[in-house]
Amino acid sequence: MAKVTLYVKDWCPYCQRAKQLLASKGVTDIELIDIEADPEQAAQMMTRTGRRTVPQIYVGETHVGGFDDMAALDRAGRLDPLLAG
């Protein structure tokens, strides 16, 4: 299974939904990067993704986008193959 990285804020409902969707897919190894706890990580996220909102989701080296983007991939049947690596 591909490595999953989530840039999150602890209180963010979309971050929680992203974690729930990944859990429903059997993903247990998720690197969570809390950008509120570490402002340097927030700057890195913005540089890496060009976005300011959370969650920002990477599956392997592929930037999926936010929760809505990942949910759309799932509906299109393209999330499972991405997660499988």
PDB file of N, CA and C in Angstrom:
ATOM      1  N   MET A   1       0.846  -1.180   0.000  1.00  0.00           N
ATOM      2  CA  MET A   1       0.000   0.000   0.000  1.00  0.00           C
ATOM      3  C   MET A   1       0.890   1.241   0.000  1.00  0.00           C
ATOM      4  N   ALA A   2       0.490   2.237  -0.749  1.00  0.00           N
ATOM      5  CA  ALA A   2       1.255   3.475  -0.859  1.00  0.00           C
ATOM      6  C   ALA A   2       1.229   4.251   0.450  1.00  0.00           C
ATOM      7  N   LYS A   3       2.290   4.997   0.697  1.00  0.00           N
ATOM      8  CA  LYS A   3       2.358   5.852   1.876  1.00  0.00           C
ATOM      9  C   LYS A   3       1.388   7.022   1.689  1.00  0.00           C
ATOM     10  N   VAL A   4       0.652   7.344   2.749  1.00  0.00           N
ATOM     11  CA  VAL A   4      -0.295   8.452   2.706  1.00  0.00           C
ATOM     12  C   VAL A   4       0.159   9.522   3.693  1.00  0.00           C
ATOM     13  N   THR A   5       0.199  10.755   3.220  1.00  0.00           N
ATOM     14  CA  THR A   5       0.562  11.898   4.052  1.00  0.00           C
ATOM     15  C   THR A   5      -0.590  12.891   4.033  1.00  0.00           C
ATOM     16  N   LEU A   6      -0.994  13.326   5.222  1.00  0.00           N
ATOM     17  CA  LEU A   6      -2.058  14.323   5.349  1.00  0.00           C
ATOM     18  C   LEU A   6      -1.532  15.535   6.096  1.00  0.00           C
ATOM     19  N   TYR A   7      -1.639  16.701   5.480  1.00  0.00           N
ATOM     20  CA  TYR A   7      -1.423  17.956   6.190  1.00  0.00           C
ATOM     21  C   TYR A   7      -2.773  18.330   6.780  1.00  0.00           C
ATOM     22  N   VAL A   8      -2.826  18.538   8.100  1.00  0.00           N
ATOM     23  CA  VAL A   8      -4.103  18.717   8.790  1.00  0.00           C
ATOM     24  C   VAL A   8      -4.035  19.834   9.826  1.00  0.00           C
ATOM     25  N   LYS A   9      -5.213  20.191  10.300  1.00  0.00           N
ATOM     26  CA  LYS A   9      -5.395  20.949  11.538  1.00  0.00           C
ATOM     27  C   LYS A   9      -6.284  20.070  12.403  1.00  0.00           C
ATOM     28  N   ASP A  10      -5.993  20.009  13.685  1.00  0.00           N
ATOM     29  CA  ASP A  10      -6.659  19.072  14.587  1.00  0.00           C
ATOM     30  C   ASP A  10      -8.181  19.230  14.594  1.00  0.00           C
ATOM     31  N   TRP A  11      -8.671  20.445  14.496  1.00  0.00           N
ATOM     32  CA  TRP A  11     -10.106  20.710  14.617  1.00  0.00           C
ATOM     33  C   TRP A  11     -10.863  20.642  13.294  1.00  0.00           C
ATOM     34  N   CYS A  12     -10.186  20.406  12.198  1.00  0.00           N
ATOM     35  CA  CYS A  12     -10.762  20.492  10.853  1.00  0.00           C
ATOM     36  C   CYS A  12     -11.692  19.315  10.532  1.00  0.00           C
ATOM     37  N   PRO A  13     -12.979  19.587  10.241  1.00  0.00           N
ATOM     38  CA  PRO A  13     -13.901  18.486   9.929  1.00  0.00           C
ATOM     39  C   PRO A  13     -13.562  17.765   8.617  1.00  0.00           C
ATOM     40  N   TYR A  14     -13.038  18.472   7.636  1.00  0.00           N
ATOM     41  CA  TYR A  14     -12.657  17.819   6.379  1.00  0.00           C
ATOM     42  C   TYR A  14     -11.459  16.904   6.577  1.00  0.00           C
ATOM     43  N   CYS A  15     -10.583  17.273   7.497  1.00  0.00           N
ATOM     44  CA  CYS A  15      -9.451  16.405   7.833  1.00  0.00           C
ATOM     45  C   CYS A  15      -9.958  15.107   8.458  1.00  0.00           C
ATOM     46  N   GLN A  16     -10.936  15.230   9.348  1.00  0.00           N
ATOM     47  CA  GLN A  16     -11.521  14.047   9.985  1.00  0.00           C
ATOM     48  C   GLN A  16     -12.183  13.151   8.935  1.00  0.00           C
ATOM     49  N   ARG A  17     -12.891  13.762   7.995  1.00  0.00           N
ATOM     50  CA  ARG A  17     -13.565  12.990   6.947  1.00  0.00           C
ATOM     51  C   ARG A  17     -12.543  12.289   6.049  1.00  0.00           C
ATOM     52  N   ALA A  18     -11.429  12.958   5.782  1.00  0.00           N
ATOM     53  CA  ALA A  18     -10.378  12.341   4.972  1.00  0.00           C
ATOM     54  C   ALA A  18      -9.821  11.116   5.694  1.00  0.00           C
ATOM     55  N   LYS A  19      -9.572  11.251   6.990  1.00  0.00           N
ATOM     56  CA  LYS A  19      -9.057  10.119   7.765  1.00  0.00           C
ATOM     57  C   LYS A  19     -10.070   8.979   7.782  1.00  0.00           C
ATOM     58  N   GLN A  20     -11.355   9.311   7.897  1.00  0.00           N
ATOM     59  CA  GLN A  20     -12.400   8.276   7.908  1.00  0.00           C
ATOM     60  C   GLN A  20     -12.465   7.544   6.567  1.00  0.00           C
ATOM     61  N   LEU A  21     -12.395   8.291   5.467  1.00  0.00           N
ATOM     62  CA  LEU A  21     -12.436   7.659   4.148  1.00  0.00           C
ATOM     63  C   LEU A  21     -11.236   6.732   3.966  1.00  0.00           C
ATOM     64  N   LEU A  22     -10.068   7.193   4.364  1.00  0.00           N
ATOM     65  CA  LEU A  22      -8.872   6.355   4.249  1.00  0.00           C
ATOM     66  C   LEU A  22      -8.988   5.113   5.126  1.00  0.00           C
ATOM     67  N   ALA A  23      -9.526   5.271   6.331  1.00  0.00           N
ATOM     68  CA  ALA A  23      -9.715   4.119   7.222  1.00  0.00           C
ATOM     69  C   ALA A  23     -10.678   3.108   6.604  1.00  0.00           C
ATOM     70  N   SER A  24     -11.722   3.603   5.928  1.00  0.00           N
ATOM     71  CA  SER A  24     -12.679   2.699   5.287  1.00  0.00           C
ATOM     72  C   SER A  24     -12.041   1.922   4.137  1.00  0.00           C
ATOM     73  N   LYS A  25     -10.920   2.434   3.626  1.00  0.00           N
ATOM     74  CA  LYS A  25     -10.175   1.764   2.557  1.00  0.00           C
ATOM     75  C   LYS A  25      -9.096   0.851   3.122  1.00  0.00           C
ATOM     76  N   GLY A  26      -9.000   0.765   4.454  1.00  0.00           N
ATOM     77  CA  GLY A  26      -8.025  -0.096   5.091  1.00  0.00           C
ATOM     78  C   GLY A  26      -6.664   0.540   5.282  1.00  0.00           C
ATOM     79  N   VAL A  27      -6.574   1.849   5.079  1.00  0.00           N
ATOM     80  CA  VAL A  27      -5.302   2.542   5.253  1.00  0.00           C
ATOM     81  C   VAL A  27      -5.099   2.797   6.745  1.00  0.00           C
ATOM     82  N   THR A  28      -4.026   2.260   7.280  1.00  0.00           N
ATOM     83  CA  THR A  28      -3.751   2.437   8.704  1.00  0.00           C
ATOM     84  C   THR A  28      -2.489   3.255   8.946  1.00  0.00           C
ATOM     85  N   ASP A  29      -1.601   3.288   7.974  1.00  0.00           N
ATOM     86  CA  ASP A  29      -0.339   4.005   8.137  1.00  0.00           C
ATOM     87  C   ASP A  29      -0.433   5.359   7.435  1.00  0.00           C
ATOM     88  N   ILE A  30      -0.809   6.369   8.211  1.00  0.00           N
ATOM     89  CA  ILE A  30      -0.975   7.720   7.679  1.00  0.00           C
ATOM     90  C   ILE A  30      -0.043   8.650   8.437  1.00  0.00           C
ATOM     91  N   GLU A  31       0.776   9.380   7.697  1.00  0.00           N
ATOM     92  CA  GLU A  31       1.617  10.398   8.319  1.00  0.00           C
ATOM     93  C   GLU A  31       0.781  11.668   8.437  1.00  0.00           C
ATOM     94  N   LEU A  32       0.488  12.070   9.667  1.00  0.00           N
ATOM     95  CA  LEU A  32      -0.291  13.282   9.918  1.00  0.00           C
ATOM     96  C   LEU A  32       0.668  14.409  10.260  1.00  0.00           C
ATOM     97  N   ILE A  33       0.552  15.513   9.530  1.00  0.00           N
ATOM     98  CA  ILE A  33       1.386  16.682   9.783  1.00  0.00           C
ATOM     99  C   ILE A  33       0.461  17.813  10.181  1.00  0.00           C
ATOM    100  N   ASP A  34       0.470  18.151  11.471  1.00  0.00           N
ATOM    101  CA  ASP A  34      -0.401  19.203  12.009  1.00  0.00           C
ATOM    102  C   ASP A  34       0.258  20.556  11.766  1.00  0.00           C
ATOM    103  N   ILE A  35      -0.288  21.318  10.832  1.00  0.00           N
ATOM    104  CA  ILE A  35       0.348  22.586  10.459  1.00  0.00           C
ATOM    105  C   ILE A  35       0.108  23.689  11.477  1.00  0.00           C
ATOM    106  N   GLU A  36      -0.845  23.511  12.382  1.00  0.00           N
ATOM    107  CA  GLU A  36      -1.017  24.492  13.460  1.00  0.00           C
ATOM    108  C   GLU A  36       0.042  24.309  14.532  1.00  0.00           C
ATOM    109  N   ALA A  37       0.421  23.078  14.774  1.00  0.00           N
ATOM    110  CA  ALA A  37       1.419  22.788  15.795  1.00  0.00           C
ATOM    111  C   ALA A  37       2.822  23.156  15.324  1.00  0.00           C
ATOM    112  N   ASP A  38       3.016  23.180  14.006  1.00  0.00           N
ATOM    113  CA  ASP A  38       4.346  23.444  13.458  1.00  0.00           C
ATOM    114  C   ASP A  38       4.237  24.378  12.255  1.00  0.00           C
ATOM    115  N   PRO A  39       4.368  25.688  12.479  1.00  0.00           N
ATOM    116  CA  PRO A  39       4.232  26.657  11.383  1.00  0.00           C
ATOM    117  C   PRO A  39       5.197  26.427  10.218  1.00  0.00           C
ATOM    118  N   GLU A  40       6.364  25.845  10.479  1.00  0.00           N
ATOM    119  CA  GLU A  40       7.286  25.527   9.388  1.00  0.00           C
ATOM    120  C   GLU A  40       6.663  24.521   8.424  1.00  0.00           C
ATOM    121  N   GLN A  41       5.902  23.582   8.981  1.00  0.00           N
ATOM    122  CA  GLN A  41       5.217  22.593   8.145  1.00  0.00           C
ATOM    123  C   GLN A  41       4.132  23.260   7.296  1.00  0.00           C
ATOM    124  N   ALA A  42       3.489  24.302   7.849  1.00  0.00           N
ATOM    125  CA  ALA A  42       2.486  25.038   7.074  1.00  0.00           C
ATOM    126  C   ALA A  42       3.133  25.693   5.868  1.00  0.00           C
ATOM    127  N   ALA A  43       4.281  26.287   6.066  1.00  0.00           N
ATOM    128  CA  ALA A  43       5.002  26.915   4.953  1.00  0.00           C
ATOM    129  C   ALA A  43       5.430  25.867   3.937  1.00  0.00           C
ATOM    130  N   GLN A  44       5.894  24.724   4.416  1.00  0.00           N
ATOM    131  CA  GLN A  44       6.300  23.643   3.512  1.00  0.00           C
ATOM    132  C   GLN A  44       5.101  23.156   2.707  1.00  0.00           C
ATOM    133  N   MET A  45       3.937  23.015   3.364  1.00  0.00           N
ATOM    134  CA  MET A  45       2.737  22.563   2.664  1.00  0.00           C
ATOM    135  C   MET A  45       2.370  23.536   1.549  1.00  0.00           C
ATOM    136  N   MET A  46       2.401  24.835   1.847  1.00  0.00           N
ATOM    137  CA  MET A  46       2.033  25.836   0.848  1.00  0.00           C
ATOM    138  C   MET A  46       3.005  25.833  -0.330  1.00  0.00           C
ATOM    139  N   THR A  47       4.289  25.650  -0.038  1.00  0.00           N
ATOM    140  CA  THR A  47       5.284  25.578  -1.100  1.00  0.00           C
ATOM    141  C   THR A  47       5.079  24.314  -1.938  1.00  0.00           C
ATOM    142  N   ARG A  48       4.845  23.221  -1.260  1.00  0.00           N
ATOM    143  CA  ARG A  48       4.729  21.924  -1.929  1.00  0.00           C
ATOM    144  C   ARG A  48       3.451  21.802  -2.755  1.00  0.00           C
ATOM    145  N   THR A  49       2.330  22.355  -2.246  1.00  0.00           N
ATOM    146  CA  THR A  49       1.033  22.160  -2.902  1.00  0.00           C
ATOM    147  C   THR A  49       0.518  23.395  -3.626  1.00  0.00           C
ATOM    148  N   GLY A  50       0.993  24.579  -3.233  1.00  0.00           N
ATOM    149  CA  GLY A  50       0.438  25.812  -3.780  1.00  0.00           C
ATOM    150  C   GLY A  50      -0.913  26.153  -3.191  1.00  0.00           C
ATOM    151  N   ARG A  51      -1.303  25.467  -2.119  1.00  0.00           N
ATOM    152  CA  ARG A  51      -2.605  25.677  -1.478  1.00  0.00           C
ATOM    153  C   ARG A  51      -2.422  26.025  -0.008  1.00  0.00           C
ATOM    154  N   ARG A  52      -3.455  26.697   0.530  1.00  0.00           N
ATOM    155  CA  ARG A  52      -3.424  27.115   1.931  1.00  0.00           C
ATOM    156  C   ARG A  52      -4.392  26.325   2.809  1.00  0.00           C
ATOM    157  N   THR A  53      -5.315  25.583   2.198  1.00  0.00           N
ATOM    158  CA  THR A  53      -6.355  24.899   2.959  1.00  0.00           C
ATOM    159  C   THR A  53      -5.936  23.482   3.329  1.00  0.00           C
ATOM    160  N   VAL A  54      -6.574  22.968   4.364  1.00  0.00           N
ATOM    161  CA  VAL A  54      -6.356  21.585   4.784  1.00  0.00           C
ATOM    162  C   VAL A  54      -7.673  20.829   4.668  1.00  0.00           C
ATOM    163  N   PRO A  55      -7.601  19.522   4.505  1.00  0.00           N
ATOM    164  CA  PRO A  55      -6.386  18.737   4.395  1.00  0.00           C
ATOM    165  C   PRO A  55      -5.766  18.866   3.012  1.00  0.00           C
ATOM    166  N   GLN A  56      -4.489  18.614   2.952  1.00  0.00           N
ATOM    167  CA  GLN A  56      -3.787  18.400   1.688  1.00  0.00           C
ATOM    168  C   GLN A  56      -3.261  16.977   1.760  1.00  0.00           C
ATOM    169  N   ILE A  57      -3.583  16.196   0.749  1.00  0.00           N
ATOM    170  CA  ILE A  57      -3.380  14.757   0.806  1.00  0.00           C
ATOM    171  C   ILE A  57      -2.405  14.313  -0.283  1.00  0.00           C
ATOM    172  N   TYR A  58      -1.441  13.518   0.135  1.00  0.00           N
ATOM    173  CA  TYR A  58      -0.510  12.869  -0.795  1.00  0.00           C
ATOM    174  C   TYR A  58      -0.665  11.375  -0.644  1.00  0.00           C
ATOM    175  N   VAL A  59      -0.763  10.690  -1.772  1.00  0.00           N
ATOM    176  CA  VAL A  59      -0.693   9.233  -1.798  1.00  0.00           C
ATOM    177  C   VAL A  59       0.594   8.925  -2.555  1.00  0.00           C
ATOM    178  N   GLY A  60       1.563   8.402  -1.829  1.00  0.00           N
ATOM    179  CA  GLY A  60       2.894   8.280  -2.400  1.00  0.00           C
ATOM    180  C   GLY A  60       3.399   9.680  -2.704  1.00  0.00           C
ATOM    181  N   GLU A  61       3.860   9.904  -3.902  1.00  0.00           N
ATOM    182  CA  GLU A  61       4.327  11.239  -4.312  1.00  0.00           C
ATOM    183  C   GLU A  61       3.257  12.007  -5.093  1.00  0.00           C
ATOM    184  N   THR A  62       2.052  11.427  -5.200  1.00  0.00           N
ATOM    185  CA  THR A  62       0.963  12.053  -5.948  1.00  0.00           C
ATOM    186  C   THR A  62       0.150  12.959  -5.045  1.00  0.00           C
ATOM    187  N   HIS A  63       0.066  14.238  -5.408  1.00  0.00           N
ATOM    188  CA  HIS A  63      -0.772  15.172  -4.662  1.00  0.00           C
ATOM    189  C   HIS A  63      -2.216  14.980  -5.106  1.00  0.00           C
ATOM    190  N   VAL A  64      -3.035  14.494  -4.189  1.00  0.00           N
ATOM    191  CA  VAL A  64      -4.438  14.220  -4.476  1.00  0.00           C
ATOM    192  C   VAL A  64      -5.255  15.498  -4.384  1.00  0.00           C
ATOM    193  N   GLY A  65      -4.879  16.394  -3.478  1.00  0.00           N
ATOM    194  CA  GLY A  65      -5.638  17.617  -3.238  1.00  0.00           C
ATOM    195  C   GLY A  65      -6.251  17.557  -1.858  1.00  0.00           C
ATOM    196  N   GLY A  66      -7.468  18.087  -1.737  1.00  0.00           N
ATOM    197  CA  GLY A  66      -8.174  18.092  -0.472  1.00  0.00           C
ATOM    198  C   GLY A  66      -9.144  16.925  -0.360  1.00  0.00           C
ATOM    199  N   PHE A  67     -10.001  16.978   0.671  1.00  0.00           N
ATOM    200  CA  PHE A  67     -10.955  15.890   0.880  1.00  0.00           C
ATOM    201  C   PHE A  67     -11.900  15.736  -0.302  1.00  0.00           C
ATOM    202  N   ASP A  68     -12.444  16.846  -0.799  1.00  0.00           N
ATOM    203  CA  ASP A  68     -13.386  16.762  -1.922  1.00  0.00           C
ATOM    204  C   ASP A  68     -12.732  16.117  -3.143  1.00  0.00           C
ATOM    205  N   ASP A  69     -11.465  16.450  -3.380  1.00  0.00           N
ATOM    206  CA  ASP A  69     -10.738  15.861  -4.501  1.00  0.00           C
ATOM    207  C   ASP A  69     -10.572  14.354  -4.308  1.00  0.00           C
ATOM    208  N   MET A  70     -10.232  13.944  -3.082  1.00  0.00           N
ATOM    209  CA  MET A  70     -10.047  12.522  -2.810  1.00  0.00           C
ATOM    210  C   MET A  70     -11.369  11.781  -2.909  1.00  0.00           C
ATOM    211  N   ALA A  71     -12.453  12.378  -2.424  1.00  0.00           N
ATOM    212  CA  ALA A  71     -13.771  11.747  -2.513  1.00  0.00           C
ATOM    213  C   ALA A  71     -14.192  11.592  -3.977  1.00  0.00           C
ATOM    214  N   ALA A  72     -13.877  12.580  -4.814  1.00  0.00           N
ATOM    215  CA  ALA A  72     -14.195  12.498  -6.238  1.00  0.00           C
ATOM    216  C   ALA A  72     -13.394  11.367  -6.897  1.00  0.00           C
ATOM    217  N   LEU A  73     -12.126  11.228  -6.520  1.00  0.00           N
ATOM    218  CA  LEU A  73     -11.318  10.113  -7.034  1.00  0.00           C
ATOM    219  C   LEU A  73     -11.931   8.776  -6.645  1.00  0.00           C
ATOM    220  N   ASP A  74     -12.419   8.697  -5.413  1.00  0.00           N
ATOM    221  CA  ASP A  74     -13.031   7.468  -4.940  1.00  0.00           C
ATOM    222  C   ASP A  74     -14.298   7.161  -5.737  1.00  0.00           C
ATOM    223  N   ARG A  75     -15.134   8.154  -5.936  1.00  0.00           N
ATOM    224  CA  ARG A  75     -16.366   7.954  -6.708  1.00  0.00           C
ATOM    225  C   ARG A  75     -16.066   7.527  -8.139  1.00  0.00           C
ATOM    226  N   ALA A  76     -14.960   8.007  -8.689  1.00  0.00           N
ATOM    227  CA  ALA A  76     -14.571   7.661 -10.058  1.00  0.00           C
ATOM    228  C   ALA A  76     -13.853   6.315 -10.144  1.00  0.00           C
ATOM    229  N   GLY A  77     -13.629   5.675  -8.974  1.00  0.00           N
ATOM    230  CA  GLY A  77     -12.955   4.385  -8.962  1.00  0.00           C
ATOM    231  C   GLY A  77     -11.447   4.470  -9.134  1.00  0.00           C
ATOM    232  N   ARG A  78     -10.886   5.659  -8.904  1.00  0.00           N
ATOM    233  CA  ARG A  78      -9.452   5.834  -9.134  1.00  0.00           C
ATOM    234  C   ARG A  78      -8.634   5.907  -7.843  1.00  0.00           C
ATOM    235  N   LEU A  79      -9.300   5.946  -6.685  1.00  0.00           N
ATOM    236  CA  LEU A  79      -8.562   6.030  -5.420  1.00  0.00           C
ATOM    237  C   LEU A  79      -7.930   4.688  -5.047  1.00  0.00           C
ATOM    238  N   ASP A  80      -8.677   3.602  -5.171  1.00  0.00           N
ATOM    239  CA  ASP A  80      -8.152   2.290  -4.770  1.00  0.00           C
ATOM    240  C   ASP A  80      -6.875   1.927  -5.519  1.00  0.00           C
ATOM    241  N   PRO A  81      -6.828   2.090  -6.850  1.00  0.00           N
ATOM    242  CA  PRO A  81      -5.570   1.780  -7.547  1.00  0.00           C
ATOM    243  C   PRO A  81      -4.401   2.670  -7.092  1.00  0.00           C
ATOM    244  N   LEU A  82      -4.699   3.927  -6.791  1.00  0.00           N
ATOM    245  CA  LEU A  82      -3.662   4.836  -6.316  1.00  0.00           C
ATOM    246  C   LEU A  82      -3.127   4.376  -4.962  1.00  0.00           C
ATOM    247  N   LEU A  83      -4.037   3.983  -4.068  1.00  0.00           N
ATOM    248  CA  LEU A  83      -3.646   3.500  -2.749  1.00  0.00           C
ATOM    249  C   LEU A  83      -2.858   2.182  -2.850  1.00  0.00           C
ATOM    250  N   ALA A  84      -3.208   1.360  -3.831  1.00  0.00           N
ATOM    251  CA  ALA A  84      -2.520   0.084  -3.995  1.00  0.00           C
ATOM    252  C   ALA A  84      -1.077   0.269  -4.443  1.00  0.00           C
ATOM    253  N   GLY A  85      -0.794   1.446  -4.982  1.00  0.00           N
ATOM    254  CA  GLY A  85       0.586   1.746  -5.396  1.00  0.00           C
ATOM    255  C   GLY A  85       0.855   1.168  -6.742  1.00  0.00           C
TER     256      GLY A  85
END
